[in-house]
């Protein structure tokens, strides 16, 4: 099974919770009460959308990278620090 690195943006919603978006996959977004939950939900959406594309005989969207074994993944983490 191929592992992919997908670009993701997470934004806070006015009504509470978070929205995670992968703009390189059309219609790929998910919400969650926490950042972690939004990302977990997005992972499920990505998997479903890529399975549908494969069933339709479509190639992977441009902008996705295959994860090579032993590769380093760079990420950003938001932490609330005491003032």
C-alpha atoms as a PDB file:
ATOM      1  CA  UNK A   1       0.000   0.000   0.000  1.00  0.00           C
ATOM      2  CA  UNK A   2       1.346   3.426  -0.974  1.00  0.00           C
ATOM      3  CA  UNK A   3       1.719   6.062   1.723  1.00  0.00           C
ATOM      4  CA  UNK A   4       1.202   9.675   0.676  1.00  0.00           C
ATOM      5  CA  UNK A   5       2.030  13.031   2.198  1.00  0.00           C
ATOM      6  CA  UNK A   6      -0.827  15.469   1.670  1.00  0.00           C
ATOM      7  CA  UNK A   7      -0.775  19.230   2.239  1.00  0.00           C
ATOM      8  CA  UNK A   8      -3.307  20.264   4.882  1.00  0.00           C
ATOM      9  CA  UNK A   9      -4.493  23.583   6.270  1.00  0.00           C
ATOM     10  CA  UNK A  10      -6.475  23.829   9.513  1.00  0.00           C
ATOM     11  CA  UNK A  11      -8.507  26.864  10.501  1.00  0.00           C
ATOM     12  CA  UNK A  12     -10.567  27.687  13.565  1.00  0.00           C
ATOM     13  CA  UNK A  13     -14.288  28.114  12.938  1.00  0.00           C
ATOM     14  CA  UNK A  14     -16.232  31.058  14.381  1.00  0.00           C
ATOM     15  CA  UNK A  15     -18.864  28.756  15.848  1.00  0.00           C
ATOM     16  CA  UNK A  16     -16.171  26.590  17.463  1.00  0.00           C
ATOM     17  CA  UNK A  17     -14.223  23.614  16.275  1.00  0.00           C
ATOM     18  CA  UNK A  18     -11.813  23.351  13.376  1.00  0.00           C
ATOM     19  CA  UNK A  19     -11.897  22.827   9.630  1.00  0.00           C
ATOM     20  CA  UNK A  20      -9.136  20.780   7.952  1.00  0.00           C
ATOM     21  CA  UNK A  21      -8.729  21.186   4.189  1.00  0.00           C
ATOM     22  CA  UNK A  22      -6.600  19.455   1.550  1.00  0.00           C
ATOM     23  CA  UNK A  23      -6.882  21.808  -1.411  1.00  0.00           C
ATOM     24  CA  UNK A  24      -5.148  19.483  -3.899  1.00  0.00           C
ATOM     25  CA  UNK A  25      -8.021  16.973  -3.670  1.00  0.00           C
ATOM     26  CA  UNK A  26     -11.316  18.430  -4.869  1.00  0.00           C
ATOM     27  CA  UNK A  27     -13.959  18.475  -2.126  1.00  0.00           C
ATOM     28  CA  UNK A  28     -11.535  17.273   0.551  1.00  0.00           C
ATOM     29  CA  UNK A  29     -12.367  18.830   3.901  1.00  0.00           C
ATOM     30  CA  UNK A  30     -13.528  17.760   7.354  1.00  0.00           C
ATOM     31  CA  UNK A  31     -14.483  19.328  10.668  1.00  0.00           C
ATOM     32  CA  UNK A  32     -13.765  18.356  14.240  1.00  0.00           C
ATOM     33  CA  UNK A  33     -14.106  19.739  17.755  1.00  0.00           C
ATOM     34  CA  UNK A  34     -10.297  19.707  18.092  1.00  0.00           C
ATOM     35  CA  UNK A  35      -7.456  20.014  15.587  1.00  0.00           C
ATOM     36  CA  UNK A  36      -6.641  16.343  16.132  1.00  0.00           C
ATOM     37  CA  UNK A  37     -10.242  15.293  15.475  1.00  0.00           C
ATOM     38  CA  UNK A  38     -10.448  17.425  12.312  1.00  0.00           C
ATOM     39  CA  UNK A  39      -7.231  15.825  11.008  1.00  0.00           C
ATOM     40  CA  UNK A  40      -8.446  12.332  11.872  1.00  0.00           C
ATOM     41  CA  UNK A  41     -11.725  12.987  10.054  1.00  0.00           C
ATOM     42  CA  UNK A  42      -9.825  14.423   7.087  1.00  0.00           C
ATOM     43  CA  UNK A  43      -7.714  11.272   6.879  1.00  0.00           C
ATOM     44  CA  UNK A  44     -10.909   9.242   6.424  1.00  0.00           C
ATOM     45  CA  UNK A  45     -12.178  11.646   3.737  1.00  0.00           C
ATOM     46  CA  UNK A  46      -8.855  11.489   1.861  1.00  0.00           C
ATOM     47  CA  UNK A  47      -8.908   7.709   1.890  1.00  0.00           C
ATOM     48  CA  UNK A  48     -12.485   7.584   0.557  1.00  0.00           C
ATOM     49  CA  UNK A  49     -11.887  10.177  -2.174  1.00  0.00           C
ATOM     50  CA  UNK A  50      -8.697   8.455  -3.366  1.00  0.00           C
ATOM     51  CA  UNK A  51     -10.474   5.078  -3.439  1.00  0.00           C
ATOM     52  CA  UNK A  52     -13.249   6.607  -5.568  1.00  0.00           C
ATOM     53  CA  UNK A  53     -10.706   8.109  -7.967  1.00  0.00           C
ATOM     54  CA  UNK A  54      -8.971   4.738  -8.283  1.00  0.00           C
ATOM     55  CA  UNK A  55     -12.302   2.992  -8.981  1.00  0.00           C
ATOM     56  CA  UNK A  56     -12.977   5.546 -11.731  1.00  0.00           C
ATOM     57  CA  UNK A  57      -9.529   4.893 -13.238  1.00  0.00           C
ATOM     58  CA  UNK A  58      -8.306   8.419 -12.480  1.00  0.00           C
ATOM     59  CA  UNK A  59      -4.701   9.200 -11.524  1.00  0.00           C
ATOM     60  CA  UNK A  60      -3.713  10.596  -8.140  1.00  0.00           C
ATOM     61  CA  UNK A  61      -4.145  14.363  -7.929  1.00  0.00           C
ATOM     62  CA  UNK A  62      -1.053  16.459  -8.548  1.00  0.00           C
ATOM     63  CA  UNK A  63       0.476  17.852  -5.378  1.00  0.00           C
ATOM     64  CA  UNK A  64       0.539  14.590  -3.442  1.00  0.00           C
ATOM     65  CA  UNK A  65       3.920  13.095  -2.598  1.00  0.00           C
ATOM     66  CA  UNK A  66       4.715   9.439  -2.071  1.00  0.00           C
ATOM     67  CA  UNK A  67       6.333   8.862   1.301  1.00  0.00           C
ATOM     68  CA  UNK A  68       9.626   7.086   0.833  1.00  0.00           C
ATOM     69  CA  UNK A  69      10.690   4.701   3.580  1.00  0.00           C
ATOM     70  CA  UNK A  70      12.768   6.519   6.179  1.00  0.00           C
ATOM     71  CA  UNK A  71      11.746   9.961   4.877  1.00  0.00           C
ATOM     72  CA  UNK A  72      11.272  12.864   7.264  1.00  0.00           C
ATOM     73  CA  UNK A  73       7.905  14.595   7.384  1.00  0.00           C
ATOM     74  CA  UNK A  74       7.908  18.248   8.382  1.00  0.00           C
ATOM     75  CA  UNK A  75       4.955  19.583  10.359  1.00  0.00           C
ATOM     76  CA  UNK A  76       3.966  22.599  12.392  1.00  0.00           C
ATOM     77  CA  UNK A  77       2.401  22.401  15.823  1.00  0.00           C
ATOM     78  CA  UNK A  78       0.470  25.131  17.605  1.00  0.00           C
ATOM     79  CA  UNK A  79       0.955  25.116  21.380  1.00  0.00           C
ATOM     80  CA  UNK A  80      -0.567  27.447  23.950  1.00  0.00           C
ATOM     81  CA  UNK A  81       2.234  28.731  26.138  1.00  0.00           C
ATOM     82  CA  UNK A  82       1.842  30.344  29.548  1.00  0.00           C
ATOM     83  CA  UNK A  83       2.186  34.130  29.545  1.00  0.00           C
END
